[in-house]
Amino acid sequence: MKEFIEKTLGARLQGDGGWVEFEKMEDGNLTLIFRGECSKCLILNRCCDWIGQKVKEKFDMDVTVVPVRKKPYFWDK
């Protein structure tokens, strides 16, 4: 699932200047770290719903996407 999230779905987010990292999957909660433009996106909930839908299609699993917003380390400088 990590590869699917980061490589397949993440490639679509990179087009808008953001990216996603798999953190963990636990008790139906899929925790993802959103960075770049995703970390400050006002409609991140739509993206989380879309990721949940794609996971359902690929793995036949119902998940709740738990977003964690983190800016890239180089934005601190």
PDB file of N, CA and C in Angstrom:
ATOM      1  N   MET A   1       0.830  -1.190   0.000  1.00  0.00           N
ATOM      2  CA  MET A   1       0.000   0.000   0.000  1.00  0.00           C
ATOM      3  C   MET A   1       0.879   1.259   0.000  1.00  0.00           C
ATOM      4  N   LYS A   2       1.994   1.201   0.725  1.00  0.00           N
ATOM      5  CA  LYS A   2       2.889   2.363   0.775  1.00  0.00           C
ATOM      6  C   LYS A   2       3.324   2.769  -0.635  1.00  0.00           C
ATOM      7  N   GLU A   3       3.735   1.811  -1.429  1.00  0.00           N
ATOM      8  CA  GLU A   3       4.191   2.116  -2.787  1.00  0.00           C
ATOM      9  C   GLU A   3       3.053   2.698  -3.632  1.00  0.00           C
ATOM     10  N   PHE A   4       1.860   2.130  -3.488  1.00  0.00           N
ATOM     11  CA  PHE A   4       0.702   2.633  -4.234  1.00  0.00           C
ATOM     12  C   PHE A   4       0.411   4.088  -3.870  1.00  0.00           C
ATOM     13  N   ILE A   5       0.438   4.399  -2.570  1.00  0.00           N
ATOM     14  CA  ILE A   5       0.155   5.761  -2.107  1.00  0.00           C
ATOM     15  C   ILE A   5       1.225   6.726  -2.612  1.00  0.00           C
ATOM     16  N   GLU A   6       2.486   6.385  -2.376  1.00  0.00           N
ATOM     17  CA  GLU A   6       3.567   7.321  -2.660  1.00  0.00           C
ATOM     18  C   GLU A   6       3.912   7.425  -4.140  1.00  0.00           C
ATOM     19  N   LYS A   7       3.870   6.324  -4.854  1.00  0.00           N
ATOM     20  CA  LYS A   7       4.290   6.345  -6.264  1.00  0.00           C
ATOM     21  C   LYS A   7       3.119   6.628  -7.205  1.00  0.00           C
ATOM     22  N   THR A   8       2.053   5.866  -7.080  1.00  0.00           N
ATOM     23  CA  THR A   8       0.940   5.993  -8.021  1.00  0.00           C
ATOM     24  C   THR A   8       0.105   7.242  -7.748  1.00  0.00           C
ATOM     25  N   LEU A   9      -0.404   7.363  -6.533  1.00  0.00           N
ATOM     26  CA  LEU A   9      -1.245   8.517  -6.209  1.00  0.00           C
ATOM     27  C   LEU A   9      -0.408   9.771  -5.988  1.00  0.00           C
ATOM     28  N   GLY A  10       0.744   9.605  -5.386  1.00  0.00           N
ATOM     29  CA  GLY A  10       1.620  10.744  -5.126  1.00  0.00           C
ATOM     30  C   GLY A  10       2.053  11.466  -6.386  1.00  0.00           C
ATOM     31  N   ALA A  11       2.195  10.720  -7.478  1.00  0.00           N
ATOM     32  CA  ALA A  11       2.598  11.335  -8.747  1.00  0.00           C
ATOM     33  C   ALA A  11       1.595  12.386  -9.200  1.00  0.00           C
ATOM     34  N   ARG A  12       0.341  12.158  -8.924  1.00  0.00           N
ATOM     35  CA  ARG A  12      -0.685  13.138  -9.301  1.00  0.00           C
ATOM     36  C   ARG A  12      -0.605  14.401  -8.448  1.00  0.00           C
ATOM     37  N   LEU A  13      -0.231  14.250  -7.198  1.00  0.00           N
ATOM     38  CA  LEU A  13      -0.112  15.410  -6.313  1.00  0.00           C
ATOM     39  C   LEU A  13       1.116  16.248  -6.654  1.00  0.00           C
ATOM     40  N   GLN A  14       2.151  15.612  -7.167  1.00  0.00           N
ATOM     41  CA  GLN A  14       3.376  16.331  -7.498  1.00  0.00           C
ATOM     42  C   GLN A  14       3.145  17.355  -8.611  1.00  0.00           C
ATOM     43  N   GLY A  15       2.168  17.102  -9.442  1.00  0.00           N
ATOM     44  CA  GLY A  15       1.849  18.051 -10.501  1.00  0.00           C
ATOM     45  C   GLY A  15       1.392  19.397  -9.963  1.00  0.00           C
ATOM     46  N   ASP A  16       0.892  19.399  -8.738  1.00  0.00           N
ATOM     47  CA  ASP A  16       0.445  20.641  -8.102  1.00  0.00           C
ATOM     48  C   ASP A  16       1.443  21.150  -7.065  1.00  0.00           C
ATOM     49  N   GLY A  17       2.620  20.528  -7.015  1.00  0.00           N
ATOM     50  CA  GLY A  17       3.661  20.999  -6.103  1.00  0.00           C
ATOM     51  C   GLY A  17       3.625  20.391  -4.720  1.00  0.00           C
ATOM     52  N   GLY A  18       2.880  19.334  -4.541  1.00  0.00           N
ATOM     53  CA  GLY A  18       2.822  18.688  -3.235  1.00  0.00           C
ATOM     54  C   GLY A  18       3.233  17.241  -3.319  1.00  0.00           C
ATOM     55  N   TRP A  19       3.298  16.601  -2.191  1.00  0.00           N
ATOM     56  CA  TRP A  19       3.542  15.168  -2.183  1.00  0.00           C
ATOM     57  C   TRP A  19       3.016  14.560  -0.898  1.00  0.00           C
ATOM     58  N   VAL A  20       2.894  13.237  -0.927  1.00  0.00           N
ATOM     59  CA  VAL A  20       2.307  12.505   0.187  1.00  0.00           C
ATOM     60  C   VAL A  20       3.258  11.387   0.592  1.00  0.00           C
ATOM     61  N   GLU A  21       3.306  11.128   1.888  1.00  0.00           N
ATOM     62  CA  GLU A  21       4.117  10.044   2.428  1.00  0.00           C
ATOM     63  C   GLU A  21       3.239   9.158   3.298  1.00  0.00           C
ATOM     64  N   PHE A  22       3.419   7.864   3.147  1.00  0.00           N
ATOM     65  CA  PHE A  22       2.706   6.888   3.965  1.00  0.00           C
ATOM     66  C   PHE A  22       3.313   6.907   5.360  1.00  0.00           C
ATOM     67  N   GLU A  23       2.487   7.024   6.370  1.00  0.00           N
ATOM     68  CA  GLU A  23       2.955   6.997   7.756  1.00  0.00           C
ATOM     69  C   GLU A  23       2.614   5.658   8.401  1.00  0.00           C
ATOM     70  N   LYS A  24       1.303   5.327   8.434  1.00  0.00           N
ATOM     71  CA  LYS A  24       0.904   4.044   9.015  1.00  0.00           C
ATOM     72  C   LYS A  24      -0.533   3.719   8.656  1.00  0.00           C
ATOM     73  N   MET A  25      -0.840   2.441   8.786  1.00  0.00           N
ATOM     74  CA  MET A  25      -2.204   1.939   8.595  1.00  0.00           C
ATOM     75  C   MET A  25      -2.549   1.173   9.854  1.00  0.00           C
ATOM     76  N   GLU A  26      -3.587   1.646  10.561  1.00  0.00           N
ATOM     77  CA  GLU A  26      -3.908   1.064  11.853  1.00  0.00           C
ATOM     78  C   GLU A  26      -5.401   1.169  12.122  1.00  0.00           C
ATOM     79  N   ASP A  27      -6.041   0.042  12.350  1.00  0.00           N
ATOM     80  CA  ASP A  27      -7.468   0.011  12.701  1.00  0.00           C
ATOM     81  C   ASP A  27      -8.348   0.777  11.720  1.00  0.00           C
ATOM     82  N   GLY A  28      -8.073   0.635  10.436  1.00  0.00           N
ATOM     83  CA  GLY A  28      -8.876   1.305   9.419  1.00  0.00           C
ATOM     84  C   GLY A  28      -8.542   2.758   9.203  1.00  0.00           C
ATOM     85  N   ASN A  29      -7.546   3.261   9.934  1.00  0.00           N
ATOM     86  CA  ASN A  29      -7.091   4.644   9.767  1.00  0.00           C
ATOM     87  C   ASN A  29      -5.778   4.646   8.996  1.00  0.00           C
ATOM     88  N   LEU A  30      -5.778   5.335   7.889  1.00  0.00           N
ATOM     89  CA  LEU A  30      -4.606   5.470   7.043  1.00  0.00           C
ATOM     90  C   LEU A  30      -4.024   6.858   7.291  1.00  0.00           C
ATOM     91  N   THR A  31      -2.891   6.911   7.988  1.00  0.00           N
ATOM     92  CA  THR A  31      -2.267   8.183   8.320  1.00  0.00           C
ATOM     93  C   THR A  31      -1.248   8.521   7.242  1.00  0.00           C
ATOM     94  N   LEU A  32      -1.420   9.684   6.635  1.00  0.00           N
ATOM     95  CA  LEU A  32      -0.555  10.146   5.560  1.00  0.00           C
ATOM     96  C   LEU A  32       0.001  11.517   5.904  1.00  0.00           C
ATOM     97  N   ILE A  33       1.247  11.737   5.533  1.00  0.00           N
ATOM     98  CA  ILE A  33       1.880  13.032   5.730  1.00  0.00           C
ATOM     99  C   ILE A  33       1.835  13.778   4.407  1.00  0.00           C
ATOM    100  N   PHE A  34       1.289  14.962   4.439  1.00  0.00           N
ATOM    101  CA  PHE A  34       1.197  15.805   3.247  1.00  0.00           C
ATOM    102  C   PHE A  34       2.210  16.929   3.359  1.00  0.00           C
ATOM    103  N   ARG A  35       3.006  17.082   2.303  1.00  0.00           N
ATOM    104  CA  ARG A  35       4.066  18.085   2.303  1.00  0.00           C
ATOM    105  C   ARG A  35       3.947  18.984   1.077  1.00  0.00           C
ATOM    106  N   GLY A  36       4.804  19.979   1.019  1.00  0.00           N
ATOM    107  CA  GLY A  36       4.795  20.901  -0.107  1.00  0.00           C
ATOM    108  C   GLY A  36       3.500  21.699  -0.121  1.00  0.00           C
ATOM    109  N   GLU A  37       2.980  21.912  -1.308  1.00  0.00           N
ATOM    110  CA  GLU A  37       1.735  22.669  -1.448  1.00  0.00           C
ATOM    111  C   GLU A  37       0.571  21.980  -0.737  1.00  0.00           C
ATOM    112  N   CYS A  38       0.634  20.665  -0.631  1.00  0.00           N
ATOM    113  CA  CYS A  38      -0.437  19.932   0.065  1.00  0.00           C
ATOM    114  C   CYS A  38      -0.530  20.326   1.535  1.00  0.00           C
ATOM    115  N   SER A  39       0.599  20.708   2.126  1.00  0.00           N
ATOM    116  CA  SER A  39       0.607  21.028   3.553  1.00  0.00           C
ATOM    117  C   SER A  39      -0.204  22.274   3.873  1.00  0.00           C
ATOM    118  N   LYS A  40      -0.474  23.096   2.864  1.00  0.00           N
ATOM    119  CA  LYS A  40      -1.246  24.322   3.118  1.00  0.00           C
ATOM    120  C   LYS A  40      -2.515  24.397   2.271  1.00  0.00           C
ATOM    121  N   CYS A  41      -2.886  23.285   1.669  1.00  0.00           N
ATOM    122  CA  CYS A  41      -4.056  23.243   0.788  1.00  0.00           C
ATOM    123  C   CYS A  41      -5.351  23.443   1.576  1.00  0.00           C
ATOM    124  N   LEU A  42      -6.224  24.264   1.026  1.00  0.00           N
ATOM    125  CA  LEU A  42      -7.503  24.539   1.687  1.00  0.00           C
ATOM    126  C   LEU A  42      -8.547  23.451   1.444  1.00  0.00           C
ATOM    127  N   ILE A  43      -8.330  22.614   0.440  1.00  0.00           N
ATOM    128  CA  ILE A  43      -9.308  21.566   0.127  1.00  0.00           C
ATOM    129  C   ILE A  43      -8.677  20.174   0.257  1.00  0.00           C
ATOM    130  N   LEU A  44      -7.803  20.015   1.254  1.00  0.00           N
ATOM    131  CA  LEU A  44      -7.126  18.739   1.472  1.00  0.00           C
ATOM    132  C   LEU A  44      -8.123  17.617   1.746  1.00  0.00           C
ATOM    133  N   ASN A  45      -9.262  17.965   2.322  1.00  0.00           N
ATOM    134  CA  ASN A  45     -10.272  16.944   2.607  1.00  0.00           C
ATOM    135  C   ASN A  45     -10.744  16.251   1.329  1.00  0.00           C
ATOM    136  N   ARG A  46     -10.820  16.980   0.220  1.00  0.00           N
ATOM    137  CA  ARG A  46     -11.213  16.363  -1.057  1.00  0.00           C
ATOM    138  C   ARG A  46     -10.173  15.351  -1.512  1.00  0.00           C
ATOM    139  N   CYS A  47      -8.918  15.704  -1.348  1.00  0.00           N
ATOM    140  CA  CYS A  47      -7.828  14.809  -1.718  1.00  0.00           C
ATOM    141  C   CYS A  47      -7.858  13.553  -0.842  1.00  0.00           C
ATOM    142  N   CYS A  48      -8.111  13.723   0.434  1.00  0.00           N
ATOM    143  CA  CYS A  48      -8.192  12.579   1.349  1.00  0.00           C
ATOM    144  C   CYS A  48      -9.341  11.663   0.953  1.00  0.00           C
ATOM    145  N   ASP A  49     -10.464  12.235   0.573  1.00  0.00           N
ATOM    146  CA  ASP A  49     -11.601  11.426   0.104  1.00  0.00           C
ATOM    147  C   ASP A  49     -11.234  10.669  -1.165  1.00  0.00           C
ATOM    148  N   TRP A  50     -10.527  11.327  -2.078  1.00  0.00           N
ATOM    149  CA  TRP A  50     -10.098  10.713  -3.329  1.00  0.00           C
ATOM    150  C   TRP A  50      -9.127   9.562  -3.060  1.00  0.00           C
ATOM    151  N   ILE A  51      -8.180   9.769  -2.154  1.00  0.00           N
ATOM    152  CA  ILE A  51      -7.238   8.708  -1.802  1.00  0.00           C
ATOM    153  C   ILE A  51      -7.975   7.533  -1.181  1.00  0.00           C
ATOM    154  N   GLY A  52      -8.916   7.807  -0.296  1.00  0.00           N
ATOM    155  CA  GLY A  52      -9.721   6.740   0.297  1.00  0.00           C
ATOM    156  C   GLY A  52     -10.474   5.942  -0.748  1.00  0.00           C
ATOM    157  N   GLN A  53     -11.002   6.627  -1.744  1.00  0.00           N
ATOM    158  CA  GLN A  53     -11.729   5.964  -2.836  1.00  0.00           C
ATOM    159  C   GLN A  53     -10.783   5.083  -3.655  1.00  0.00           C
ATOM    160  N   LYS A  54      -9.585   5.568  -3.953  1.00  0.00           N
ATOM    161  CA  LYS A  54      -8.615   4.802  -4.735  1.00  0.00           C
ATOM    162  C   LYS A  54      -8.120   3.578  -3.971  1.00  0.00           C
ATOM    163  N   VAL A  55      -7.943   3.712  -2.666  1.00  0.00           N
ATOM    164  CA  VAL A  55      -7.548   2.571  -1.834  1.00  0.00           C
ATOM    165  C   VAL A  55      -8.656   1.528  -1.839  1.00  0.00           C
ATOM    166  N   LYS A  56      -9.891   1.965  -1.772  1.00  0.00           N
ATOM    167  CA  LYS A  56     -11.041   1.056  -1.824  1.00  0.00           C
ATOM    168  C   LYS A  56     -11.050   0.282  -3.146  1.00  0.00           C
ATOM    169  N   GLU A  57     -10.821   1.005  -4.255  1.00  0.00           N
ATOM    170  CA  GLU A  57     -10.807   0.359  -5.574  1.00  0.00           C
ATOM    171  C   GLU A  57      -9.664  -0.641  -5.707  1.00  0.00           C
ATOM    172  N   LYS A  58      -8.485  -0.290  -5.222  1.00  0.00           N
ATOM    173  CA  LYS A  58      -7.287  -1.117  -5.400  1.00  0.00           C
ATOM    174  C   LYS A  58      -7.225  -2.283  -4.423  1.00  0.00           C
ATOM    175  N   PHE A  59      -7.540  -2.039  -3.153  1.00  0.00           N
ATOM    176  CA  PHE A  59      -7.350  -3.040  -2.104  1.00  0.00           C
ATOM    177  C   PHE A  59      -8.647  -3.559  -1.498  1.00  0.00           C
ATOM    178  N   ASP A  60      -9.791  -3.027  -1.949  1.00  0.00           N
ATOM    179  CA  ASP A  60     -11.097  -3.397  -1.397  1.00  0.00           C
ATOM    180  C   ASP A  60     -11.126  -3.224   0.124  1.00  0.00           C
ATOM    181  N   MET A  61     -10.625  -2.073   0.560  1.00  0.00           N
ATOM    182  CA  MET A  61     -10.587  -1.748   1.985  1.00  0.00           C
ATOM    183  C   MET A  61     -11.222  -0.380   2.195  1.00  0.00           C
ATOM    184  N   ASP A  62     -12.055  -0.296   3.219  1.00  0.00           N
ATOM    185  CA  ASP A  62     -12.587   1.005   3.614  1.00  0.00           C
ATOM    186  C   ASP A  62     -11.621   1.602   4.634  1.00  0.00           C
ATOM    187  N   VAL A  63     -11.102   2.784   4.325  1.00  0.00           N
ATOM    188  CA  VAL A  63     -10.166   3.440   5.231  1.00  0.00           C
ATOM    189  C   VAL A  63     -10.605   4.880   5.475  1.00  0.00           C
ATOM    190  N   THR A  64     -10.185   5.388   6.601  1.00  0.00           N
ATOM    191  CA  THR A  64     -10.332   6.800   6.910  1.00  0.00           C
ATOM    192  C   THR A  64      -8.952   7.405   6.802  1.00  0.00           C
ATOM    193  N   VAL A  65      -8.801   8.365   5.906  1.00  0.00           N
ATOM    194  CA  VAL A  65      -7.504   9.004   5.720  1.00  0.00           C
ATOM    195  C   VAL A  65      -7.332  10.082   6.784  1.00  0.00           C
ATOM    196  N   VAL A  66      -6.262   9.959   7.546  1.00  0.00           N
ATOM    197  CA  VAL A  66      -5.934  10.923   8.586  1.00  0.00           C
ATOM    198  C   VAL A  66      -4.757  11.757   8.079  1.00  0.00           C
ATOM    199  N   PRO A  67      -5.020  13.011   7.705  1.00  0.00           N
ATOM    200  CA  PRO A  67      -3.939  13.830   7.152  1.00  0.00           C
ATOM    201  C   PRO A  67      -3.094  14.495   8.238  1.00  0.00           C
ATOM    202  N   VAL A  68      -1.795  14.515   8.000  1.00  0.00           N
ATOM    203  CA  VAL A  68      -0.865  15.246   8.850  1.00  0.00           C
ATOM    204  C   VAL A  68      -0.150  16.225   7.926  1.00  0.00           C
ATOM    205  N   ARG A  69      -0.277  17.499   8.227  1.00  0.00           N
ATOM    206  CA  ARG A  69       0.344  18.526   7.382  1.00  0.00           C
ATOM    207  C   ARG A  69       1.735  18.851   7.931  1.00  0.00           C
ATOM    208  N   LYS A  70       2.722  18.750   7.049  1.00  0.00           N
ATOM    209  CA  LYS A  70       4.092  19.116   7.427  1.00  0.00           C
ATOM    210  C   LYS A  70       4.729  19.852   6.271  1.00  0.00           C
ATOM    211  N   LYS A  71       5.304  20.980   6.589  1.00  0.00           N
ATOM    212  CA  LYS A  71       5.998  21.706   5.533  1.00  0.00           C
ATOM    213  C   LYS A  71       7.384  21.078   5.350  1.00  0.00           C
ATOM    214  N   PRO A  72       7.948  21.194   4.170  1.00  0.00           N
ATOM    215  CA  PRO A  72       9.278  20.633   3.930  1.00  0.00           C
ATOM    216  C   PRO A  72      10.322  21.306   4.803  1.00  0.00           C
ATOM    217  N   TYR A  73      11.334  20.565   5.165  1.00  0.00           N
ATOM    218  CA  TYR A  73      12.386  21.086   6.038  1.00  0.00           C
ATOM    219  C   TYR A  73      13.038  22.350   5.497  1.00  0.00           C
ATOM    220  N   PHE A  74      13.141  22.450   4.172  1.00  0.00           N
ATOM    221  CA  PHE A  74      13.831  23.607   3.592  1.00  0.00           C
ATOM    222  C   PHE A  74      12.992  24.886   3.646  1.00  0.00           C
ATOM    223  N   TRP A  75      11.703  24.802   3.999  1.00  0.00           N
ATOM    224  CA  TRP A  75      10.885  26.002   4.148  1.00  0.00           C
ATOM    225  C   TRP A  75      11.197  26.731   5.453  1.00  0.00           C
ATOM    226  N   ASP A  76      11.891  26.051   6.368  1.00  0.00           N
ATOM    227  CA  ASP A  76      12.226  26.662   7.650  1.00  0.00           C
ATOM    228  C   ASP A  76      13.395  27.643   7.541  1.00  0.00           C
ATOM    229  N   LYS A  77      14.097  27.602   6.462  1.00  0.00           N
ATOM    230  CA  LYS A  77      15.308  28.425   6.326  1.00  0.00           C
ATOM    231  C   LYS A  77      15.010  29.762   5.732  1.00  0.00           C
TER     232      LYS A  77
END
